Amino acid sequence: MMMAVLDVGYPAALAGHTSLELAGFKSFATEANDVHLIIPHGARCYCFAGVRVHESRRLRPECLIELGGLPCTDVARSAIDAAAWQPWPRFACALVAAVVQQRLCTVKDLEGAMQHVGRVRHKAHLREALRDIRGGSQALSEIDLIRVCRRYGIQEPDRQVRRRDSEGRLRYLDAEWKLKDGRCVVLEVDGAHHLDVTSWQGDMRRERSLVVGGAQVLRATAIELRVEPALVVADLCAIGVPRVVSISGR
């Protein structure tokens, strides 16, 4: 790694998954097997085996730090770059959520880095993901779900339905459909905070109580609803949520 950095010289630095790993990030991607190097746009470098080189017009000294004696981009910049350097928006959003969950940086840090990276892949999705992580997931997910229902022509659900759990506590369901055959279908939309172990265990208990009560429960992440809505709609239709018949189609 040091040879790759020294070959280019300042301000070249280790970046993306590589610098995240040096900062302690527990990665879940194959991209972490490569060494990621960021260099100024137009700089020349030797093509070392296993080194992926990324050029940037916005490589600022303020975002450079030292980790393990190696020059690296800081955690926030590294996370945004790692998210942008791969093709899947769903993965990009999950990655920035994981960085925050592992307490390597804050949402504020990531939002600050977003202001300086320029035009990068998945930027709109990443902005929405950061809003989700910050705590606005419930409102965002509701808006996304209604837009998806209208876009794909399926019946809109009842939202934030009040129910009592097995211990008598009041709970709110994200979305519920009462079908004509008497069945109840529930869609729970999980934001980034659901990745936390405590939240996840609570979600599982709540889902069990719904199933015991006779409901059929489907789950989706807020990210999935936003970037892969057709897959969620297909499952809703398969379980029996009806499509809306337009007047012109009668």
C-alpha atoms as a PDB file:
ATOM      1  CA  MET A   1       0.000   0.000   0.000  1.00  0.00           C
ATOM      2  CA  MET A   2       2.768   2.414   0.892  1.00  0.00           C
ATOM      3  CA  MET A   3       4.465   1.900  -2.481  1.00  0.00           C
ATOM      4  CA  ALA A   4       1.267   2.818  -4.312  1.00  0.00           C
ATOM      5  CA  VAL A   5       0.963   6.037  -2.309  1.00  0.00           C
ATOM      6  CA  LEU A   6       4.645   6.966  -2.605  1.00  0.00           C
ATOM      7  CA  ASP A   7       4.585   6.389  -6.360  1.00  0.00           C
ATOM      8  CA  VAL A   8       2.218   9.335  -6.801  1.00  0.00           C
ATOM      9  CA  GLY A   9       3.190  11.446  -3.821  1.00  0.00           C
ATOM     10  CA  TYR A  10       1.189  14.052  -1.898  1.00  0.00           C
ATOM     11  CA  PRO A  11      -1.797  14.422  -1.857  1.00  0.00           C
ATOM     12  CA  ALA A  12      -2.449  10.842  -3.031  1.00  0.00           C
ATOM     13  CA  ALA A  13      -4.019   8.771  -0.253  1.00  0.00           C
ATOM     14  CA  LEU A  14      -5.623   5.468   0.565  1.00  0.00           C
ATOM     15  CA  ALA A  15      -9.364   5.849   0.274  1.00  0.00           C
ATOM     16  CA  GLY A  16     -12.778   4.210   0.184  1.00  0.00           C
ATOM     17  CA  HIS A  17     -12.951   0.706   1.639  1.00  0.00           C
ATOM     18  CA  THR A  18      -9.201   0.620   2.304  1.00  0.00           C
ATOM     19  CA  SER A  19      -9.082   3.652   4.593  1.00  0.00           C
ATOM     20  CA  LEU A  20     -12.383   2.626   6.219  1.00  0.00           C
ATOM     21  CA  GLU A  21     -10.881  -0.739   7.096  1.00  0.00           C
ATOM     22  CA  LEU A  22      -7.804   0.960   8.582  1.00  0.00           C
ATOM     23  CA  ALA A  23     -10.205   3.065  10.698  1.00  0.00           C
ATOM     24  CA  GLY A  24     -11.802  -0.114  12.073  1.00  0.00           C
ATOM     25  CA  PHE A  25     -14.759  -0.567   9.733  1.00  0.00           C
ATOM     26  CA  LYS A  26     -16.141  -4.112   9.593  1.00  0.00           C
ATOM     27  CA  SER A  27     -16.774  -4.343   5.874  1.00  0.00           C
ATOM     28  CA  PHE A  28     -19.270  -6.579   4.091  1.00  0.00           C
ATOM     29  CA  ALA A  29     -18.109  -6.029   0.519  1.00  0.00           C
ATOM     30  CA  THR A  30     -15.772  -7.734  -1.937  1.00  0.00           C
ATOM     31  CA  GLU A  31     -14.433  -4.286  -2.871  1.00  0.00           C
ATOM     32  CA  ALA A  32     -12.618  -4.359   0.470  1.00  0.00           C
ATOM     33  CA  ASN A  33     -10.249  -6.995  -0.941  1.00  0.00           C
ATOM     34  CA  ASP A  34      -8.655  -4.397  -3.239  1.00  0.00           C
ATOM     35  CA  VAL A  35      -6.472  -1.470  -2.243  1.00  0.00           C
ATOM     36  CA  HIS A  36      -8.225   1.784  -3.135  1.00  0.00           C
ATOM     37  CA  LEU A  37      -6.028   4.773  -3.955  1.00  0.00           C
ATOM     38  CA  ILE A  38      -7.283   8.274  -4.697  1.00  0.00           C
ATOM     39  CA  ILE A  39      -5.100  10.676  -6.680  1.00  0.00           C
ATOM     40  CA  PRO A  40      -5.515  14.196  -8.081  1.00  0.00           C
ATOM     41  CA  HIS A  41      -7.154  14.323 -11.490  1.00  0.00           C
ATOM     42  CA  GLY A  42      -4.551  13.941 -14.225  1.00  0.00           C
ATOM     43  CA  ALA A  43      -1.800  12.619 -11.967  1.00  0.00           C
ATOM     44  CA  ARG A  44       0.223   9.679 -13.263  1.00  0.00           C
ATOM     45  CA  CYS A  45       0.730   6.470 -11.344  1.00  0.00           C
ATOM     46  CA  TYR A  46       2.065   2.960 -11.831  1.00  0.00           C
ATOM     47  CA  CYS A  47      -0.555   0.213 -12.188  1.00  0.00           C
ATOM     48  CA  PHE A  48       0.189  -2.036  -9.212  1.00  0.00           C
ATOM     49  CA  ALA A  49      -1.620  -5.383  -9.077  1.00  0.00           C
ATOM     50  CA  GLY A  50      -4.596  -5.281  -6.715  1.00  0.00           C
ATOM     51  CA  VAL A  51      -4.680  -1.476  -6.547  1.00  0.00           C
ATOM     52  CA  ARG A  52      -7.747   0.370  -7.832  1.00  0.00           C
ATOM     53  CA  VAL A  53      -6.958   3.979  -8.690  1.00  0.00           C
ATOM     54  CA  HIS A  54      -9.587   6.732  -8.516  1.00  0.00           C
ATOM     55  CA  GLU A  55      -9.043  10.267  -9.777  1.00  0.00           C
ATOM     56  CA  SER A  56     -10.596  13.270  -8.064  1.00  0.00           C
ATOM     57  CA  ARG A  57     -10.778  16.977  -8.840  1.00  0.00           C
ATOM     58  CA  ARG A  58     -11.770  17.645  -5.217  1.00  0.00           C
ATOM     59  CA  LEU A  59      -9.011  16.018  -3.191  1.00  0.00           C
ATOM     60  CA  ARG A  60      -8.693  18.586  -0.399  1.00  0.00           C
ATOM     61  CA  PRO A  61      -5.901  18.579   2.234  1.00  0.00           C
ATOM     62  CA  GLU A  62      -8.525  19.022   4.981  1.00  0.00           C
ATOM     63  CA  CYS A  63      -9.945  15.558   4.312  1.00  0.00           C
ATOM     64  CA  LEU A  64      -6.580  13.785   4.650  1.00  0.00           C
ATOM     65  CA  ILE A  65      -5.518  12.032   7.855  1.00  0.00           C
ATOM     66  CA  GLU A  66      -2.933   9.430   8.871  1.00  0.00           C
ATOM     67  CA  LEU A  67      -3.954   5.900   9.877  1.00  0.00           C
ATOM     68  CA  GLY A  68      -1.348   3.298  10.771  1.00  0.00           C
ATOM     69  CA  GLY A  69       1.362   5.551   9.389  1.00  0.00           C
ATOM     70  CA  LEU A  70      -0.391   5.769   5.994  1.00  0.00           C
ATOM     71  CA  PRO A  71      -2.026   8.829   4.383  1.00  0.00           C
ATOM     72  CA  CYS A  72      -5.773   8.275   4.099  1.00  0.00           C
ATOM     73  CA  THR A  73      -8.940  10.186   3.427  1.00  0.00           C
ATOM     74  CA  ASP A  74     -10.954  10.702   6.605  1.00  0.00           C
ATOM     75  CA  VAL A  75     -13.830   8.373   7.502  1.00  0.00           C
ATOM     76  CA  ALA A  76     -16.645  10.553   6.170  1.00  0.00           C
ATOM     77  CA  ARG A  77     -14.977  11.185   2.805  1.00  0.00           C
ATOM     78  CA  SER A  78     -13.962   7.513   2.597  1.00  0.00           C
ATOM     79  CA  ALA A  79     -17.540   6.380   3.228  1.00  0.00           C
ATOM     80  CA  ILE A  80     -19.009   8.669   0.570  1.00  0.00           C
ATOM     81  CA  ASP A  81     -16.361   7.600  -1.947  1.00  0.00           C
ATOM     82  CA  ALA A  82     -16.816   3.887  -1.176  1.00  0.00           C
ATOM     83  CA  ALA A  83     -20.571   4.271  -1.658  1.00  0.00           C
ATOM     84  CA  ALA A  84     -20.152   6.134  -4.947  1.00  0.00           C
ATOM     85  CA  TRP A  85     -17.531   3.781  -6.413  1.00  0.00           C
ATOM     86  CA  GLN A  86     -19.864   0.841  -6.884  1.00  0.00           C
ATOM     87  CA  PRO A  87     -22.994   0.442  -9.034  1.00  0.00           C
ATOM     88  CA  TRP A  88     -25.786  -0.392  -6.567  1.00  0.00           C
ATOM     89  CA  PRO A  89     -27.627   2.440  -4.777  1.00  0.00           C
ATOM     90  CA  ARG A  90     -29.085   0.015  -2.239  1.00  0.00           C
ATOM     91  CA  PHE A  91     -25.581  -1.086  -1.227  1.00  0.00           C
ATOM     92  CA  ALA A  92     -24.353   2.518  -1.160  1.00  0.00           C
ATOM     93  CA  CYS A  93     -27.050   3.509   1.332  1.00  0.00           C
ATOM     94  CA  ALA A  94     -26.442   0.416   3.472  1.00  0.00           C
ATOM     95  CA  LEU A  95     -22.729   1.222   3.612  1.00  0.00           C
ATOM     96  CA  VAL A  96     -23.131   4.750   4.988  1.00  0.00           C
ATOM     97  CA  ALA A  97     -25.687   3.433   7.487  1.00  0.00           C
ATOM     98  CA  ALA A  98     -23.185   0.790   8.650  1.00  0.00           C
ATOM     99  CA  VAL A  99     -20.447   3.412   9.115  1.00  0.00           C
ATOM    100  CA  VAL A 100     -22.733   5.386  11.432  1.00  0.00           C
ATOM    101  CA  GLN A 101     -23.939   2.224  13.207  1.00  0.00           C
ATOM    102  CA  GLN A 102     -20.313   1.270  13.905  1.00  0.00           C
ATOM    103  CA  ARG A 103     -19.812   4.769  15.356  1.00  0.00           C
ATOM    104  CA  LEU A 104     -16.928   5.674  13.063  1.00  0.00           C
ATOM    105  CA  CYS A 105     -18.478   9.035  12.199  1.00  0.00           C
ATOM    106  CA  THR A 106     -21.751  10.917  12.509  1.00  0.00           C
ATOM    107  CA  VAL A 107     -24.479  11.831  10.049  1.00  0.00           C
ATOM    108  CA  LYS A 108     -23.299  15.438  10.363  1.00  0.00           C
ATOM    109  CA  ASP A 109     -19.795  14.378   9.281  1.00  0.00           C
ATOM    110  CA  LEU A 110     -21.192  12.561   6.233  1.00  0.00           C
ATOM    111  CA  GLU A 111     -23.410  15.489   5.280  1.00  0.00           C
ATOM    112  CA  GLY A 112     -20.365  17.765   5.486  1.00  0.00           C
ATOM    113  CA  ALA A 113     -18.372  15.452   3.218  1.00  0.00           C
ATOM    114  CA  MET A 114     -21.254  15.377   0.736  1.00  0.00           C
ATOM    115  CA  GLN A 115     -20.940  19.127   0.289  1.00  0.00           C
ATOM    116  CA  HIS A 116     -17.359  18.822  -0.975  1.00  0.00           C
ATOM    117  CA  VAL A 117     -17.289  15.707  -3.162  1.00  0.00           C
ATOM    118  CA  GLY A 118     -19.029  17.300  -6.139  1.00  0.00           C
ATOM    119  CA  ARG A 119     -21.211  15.253  -8.483  1.00  0.00           C
ATOM    120  CA  VAL A 120     -20.944  11.601  -7.516  1.00  0.00           C
ATOM    121  CA  ARG A 121     -22.968   8.482  -8.235  1.00  0.00           C
ATOM    122  CA  HIS A 122     -26.030   7.835  -5.985  1.00  0.00           C
ATOM    123  CA  LYS A 123     -25.840  11.315  -4.421  1.00  0.00           C
ATOM    124  CA  ALA A 124     -29.620  11.788  -4.287  1.00  0.00           C
ATOM    125  CA  HIS A 125     -30.127   8.348  -2.721  1.00  0.00           C
ATOM    126  CA  LEU A 126     -27.349   9.000  -0.216  1.00  0.00           C
ATOM    127  CA  ARG A 127     -28.892  12.294   0.859  1.00  0.00           C
ATOM    128  CA  GLU A 128     -32.222  10.574   1.507  1.00  0.00           C
ATOM    129  CA  ALA A 129     -30.467   7.753   3.352  1.00  0.00           C
ATOM    130  CA  LEU A 130     -28.758  10.256   5.646  1.00  0.00           C
ATOM    131  CA  ARG A 131     -32.108  11.869   6.404  1.00  0.00           C
ATOM    132  CA  ASP A 132     -33.412   8.392   7.199  1.00  0.00           C
ATOM    133  CA  ILE A 133     -30.475   7.647   9.512  1.00  0.00           C
ATOM    134  CA  ARG A 134     -30.849  11.004  11.229  1.00  0.00           C
ATOM    135  CA  GLY A 135     -34.355  10.022  12.356  1.00  0.00           C
ATOM    136  CA  GLY A 136     -36.892  11.054   9.742  1.00  0.00           C
ATOM    137  CA  SER A 137     -37.373   7.541   8.396  1.00  0.00           C
ATOM    138  CA  GLN A 138     -41.004   7.153   9.449  1.00  0.00           C
ATOM    139  CA  ALA A 139     -42.257  10.177   7.502  1.00  0.00           C
ATOM    140  CA  LEU A 140     -40.012   9.478   4.506  1.00  0.00           C
ATOM    141  CA  SER A 141     -41.053   5.822   4.307  1.00  0.00           C
ATOM    142  CA  GLU A 142     -44.740   6.713   4.427  1.00  0.00           C
ATOM    143  CA  ILE A 143     -44.324   9.189   1.586  1.00  0.00           C
ATOM    144  CA  ASP A 144     -42.289   6.699  -0.450  1.00  0.00           C
ATOM    145  CA  LEU A 145     -44.853   3.927   0.081  1.00  0.00           C
ATOM    146  CA  ILE A 146     -47.803   6.026  -1.055  1.00  0.00           C
ATOM    147  CA  ARG A 147     -45.880   7.184  -4.122  1.00  0.00           C
ATOM    148  CA  VAL A 148     -45.036   3.564  -4.940  1.00  0.00           C
ATOM    149  CA  CYS A 149     -48.677   2.463  -4.570  1.00  0.00           C
ATOM    150  CA  ARG A 150     -49.878   5.212  -6.895  1.00  0.00           C
ATOM    151  CA  ARG A 151     -47.075   4.666  -9.394  1.00  0.00           C
ATOM    152  CA  TYR A 152     -47.716   0.933  -9.698  1.00  0.00           C
ATOM    153  CA  GLY A 153     -51.496   1.122  -9.349  1.00  0.00           C
ATOM    154  CA  ILE A 154     -52.022  -0.906  -6.187  1.00  0.00           C
ATOM    155  CA  GLN A 155     -54.429  -0.173  -3.359  1.00  0.00           C
ATOM    156  CA  GLU A 156     -53.106   2.295  -0.798  1.00  0.00           C
ATOM    157  CA  PRO A 157     -52.857   0.912   2.751  1.00  0.00           C
ATOM    158  CA  ASP A 158     -54.141   2.200   6.051  1.00  0.00           C
ATOM    159  CA  ARG A 159     -51.138   3.903   7.671  1.00  0.00           C
ATOM    160  CA  GLN A 160     -49.913   4.110  11.261  1.00  0.00           C
ATOM    161  CA  VAL A 161     -52.642   1.711  12.417  1.00  0.00           C
ATOM    162  CA  ARG A 162     -52.890   1.478  16.226  1.00  0.00           C
ATOM    163  CA  ARG A 163     -52.709  -1.977  17.798  1.00  0.00           C
ATOM    164  CA  ARG A 164     -52.098  -3.416  21.241  1.00  0.00           C
ATOM    165  CA  ASP A 165     -49.321  -5.979  21.541  1.00  0.00           C
ATOM    166  CA  SER A 166     -49.463  -9.119  23.700  1.00  0.00           C
ATOM    167  CA  GLU A 167     -48.360  -7.078  26.720  1.00  0.00           C
ATOM    168  CA  GLY A 168     -51.009  -4.415  26.177  1.00  0.00           C
ATOM    169  CA  ARG A 169     -48.660  -1.743  24.875  1.00  0.00           C
ATOM    170  CA  LEU A 170     -49.855   0.522  22.068  1.00  0.00           C
ATOM    171  CA  ARG A 171     -47.998  -0.033  18.781  1.00  0.00           C
ATOM    172  CA  TYR A 172     -48.250   1.585  15.347  1.00  0.00           C
ATOM    173  CA  LEU A 173     -48.066  -0.408  12.115  1.00  0.00           C
ATOM    174  CA  ASP A 174     -46.441   1.228   9.083  1.00  0.00           C
ATOM    175  CA  ALA A 175     -49.006  -0.067   6.573  1.00  0.00           C
ATOM    176  CA  GLU A 176     -51.962  -2.451   6.700  1.00  0.00           C
ATOM    177  CA  TRP A 177     -54.324  -3.814   4.063  1.00  0.00           C
ATOM    178  CA  LYS A 178     -57.668  -5.471   4.955  1.00  0.00           C
ATOM    179  CA  LEU A 179     -58.370  -7.852   2.081  1.00  0.00           C
ATOM    180  CA  LYS A 180     -61.825  -8.884   0.891  1.00  0.00           C
ATOM    181  CA  ASP A 181     -61.246 -12.493   1.950  1.00  0.00           C
ATOM    182  CA  GLY A 182     -60.808 -11.327   5.550  1.00  0.00           C
ATOM    183  CA  ARG A 183     -57.021 -11.537   5.669  1.00  0.00           C
ATOM    184  CA  CYS A 184     -54.864  -8.738   7.032  1.00  0.00           C
ATOM    185  CA  VAL A 185     -51.562  -7.932   5.300  1.00  0.00           C
ATOM    186  CA  VAL A 186     -49.010  -5.797   7.120  1.00  0.00           C
ATOM    187  CA  LEU A 187     -45.931  -4.180   5.551  1.00  0.00           C
ATOM    188  CA  GLU A 188     -43.274  -3.059   7.989  1.00  0.00           C
ATOM    189  CA  VAL A 189     -40.746  -0.610   6.501  1.00  0.00           C
ATOM    190  CA  ASP A 190     -37.439  -0.656   8.357  1.00  0.00           C
ATOM    191  CA  GLY A 191     -35.232   2.423   8.451  1.00  0.00           C
ATOM    192  CA  ALA A 192     -31.517   2.394   9.190  1.00  0.00           C
ATOM    193  CA  HIS A 193     -32.083   2.461  12.963  1.00  0.00           C
ATOM    194  CA  HIS A 194     -33.559  -1.047  12.685  1.00  0.00           C
ATOM    195  CA  LEU A 195     -30.028  -2.362  12.041  1.00  0.00           C
ATOM    196  CA  ASP A 196     -29.324  -1.876  15.720  1.00  0.00           C
ATOM    197  CA  VAL A 197     -29.516  -5.221  17.573  1.00  0.00           C
ATOM    198  CA  THR A 198     -31.942  -3.951  20.223  1.00  0.00           C
ATOM    199  CA  SER A 199     -34.315  -2.534  17.589  1.00  0.00           C
ATOM    200  CA  TRP A 200     -34.028  -5.700  15.523  1.00  0.00           C
ATOM    201  CA  GLN A 201     -34.973  -7.927  18.465  1.00  0.00           C
ATOM    202  CA  GLY A 202     -37.929  -5.693  19.271  1.00  0.00           C
ATOM    203  CA  ASP A 203     -39.049  -5.868  15.645  1.00  0.00           C
ATOM    204  CA  MET A 204     -38.930  -9.662  15.717  1.00  0.00           C
ATOM    205  CA  ARG A 205     -41.067  -9.820  18.862  1.00  0.00           C
ATOM    206  CA  ARG A 206     -43.603  -7.447  17.351  1.00  0.00           C
ATOM    207  CA  GLU A 207     -43.736  -9.460  14.128  1.00  0.00           C
ATOM    208  CA  ARG A 208     -44.368 -12.682  16.057  1.00  0.00           C
ATOM    209  CA  SER A 209     -47.289 -11.086  17.902  1.00  0.00           C
ATOM    210  CA  LEU A 210     -48.790  -9.930  14.597  1.00  0.00           C
ATOM    211  CA  VAL A 211     -48.484 -13.376  13.058  1.00  0.00           C
ATOM    212  CA  VAL A 212     -49.966 -15.031  16.137  1.00  0.00           C
ATOM    213  CA  GLY A 213     -52.851 -12.568  15.809  1.00  0.00           C
ATOM    214  CA  GLY A 214     -53.515 -13.761  12.271  1.00  0.00           C
ATOM    215  CA  ALA A 215     -51.799 -11.088  10.183  1.00  0.00           C
ATOM    216  CA  GLN A 216     -49.495 -11.833   7.259  1.00  0.00           C
ATOM    217  CA  VAL A 217     -46.386  -9.710   7.657  1.00  0.00           C
ATOM    218  CA  LEU A 218     -44.001  -8.576   4.926  1.00  0.00           C
ATOM    219  CA  ARG A 219     -40.879  -6.521   5.606  1.00  0.00           C
ATOM    220  CA  ALA A 220     -38.902  -4.130   3.431  1.00  0.00           C
ATOM    221  CA  THR A 221     -36.147  -1.640   4.115  1.00  0.00           C
ATOM    222  CA  ALA A 222     -36.672   2.060   3.472  1.00  0.00           C
ATOM    223  CA  ILE A 223     -33.760   1.848   1.031  1.00  0.00           C
ATOM    224  CA  GLU A 224     -35.337  -1.063  -0.857  1.00  0.00           C
ATOM    225  CA  LEU A 225     -38.660   0.766  -1.113  1.00  0.00           C
ATOM    226  CA  ARG A 226     -36.851   3.741  -2.563  1.00  0.00           C
ATOM    227  CA  VAL A 227     -34.508   2.101  -5.084  1.00  0.00           C
ATOM    228  CA  GLU A 228     -36.181  -1.257  -5.895  1.00  0.00           C
ATOM    229  CA  PRO A 229     -39.923  -0.578  -5.495  1.00  0.00           C
ATOM    230  CA  ALA A 230     -41.001  -3.041  -8.213  1.00  0.00           C
ATOM    231  CA  LEU A 231     -39.751  -5.975  -6.127  1.00  0.00           C
ATOM    232  CA  VAL A 232     -41.775  -4.860  -3.106  1.00  0.00           C
ATOM    233  CA  VAL A 233     -44.885  -4.327  -5.243  1.00  0.00           C
ATOM    234  CA  ALA A 234     -44.527  -7.783  -6.805  1.00  0.00           C
ATOM    235  CA  ASP A 235     -44.553  -9.398  -3.359  1.00  0.00           C
ATOM    236  CA  LEU A 236     -47.518  -7.319  -2.205  1.00  0.00           C
ATOM    237  CA  CYS A 237     -49.500  -8.339  -5.283  1.00  0.00           C
ATOM    238  CA  ALA A 238     -48.480 -11.979  -4.847  1.00  0.00           C
ATOM    239  CA  ILE A 239     -49.860 -12.036  -1.308  1.00  0.00           C
ATOM    240  CA  GLY A 240     -53.144 -10.506  -2.461  1.00  0.00           C
ATOM    241  CA  VAL A 241     -52.987  -6.704  -2.282  1.00  0.00           C
ATOM    242  CA  PRO A 242     -55.317  -5.657  -5.145  1.00  0.00           C
ATOM    243  CA  ARG A 243     -54.514  -3.411  -8.037  1.00  0.00           C
ATOM    244  CA  VAL A 244     -56.641  -0.292  -8.423  1.00  0.00           C
ATOM    245  CA  VAL A 245     -59.064  -0.411 -11.361  1.00  0.00           C
ATOM    246  CA  SER A 246     -59.149   2.949 -13.132  1.00  0.00           C
ATOM    247  CA  ILE A 247     -62.382   4.370 -14.502  1.00  0.00           C
ATOM    248  CA  SER A 248     -61.058   4.194 -18.057  1.00  0.00           C
ATOM    249  CA  GLY A 249     -60.291   0.509 -17.590  1.00  0.00           C
ATOM    250  CA  ARG A 250     -63.849  -0.483 -16.620  1.00  0.00           C
END
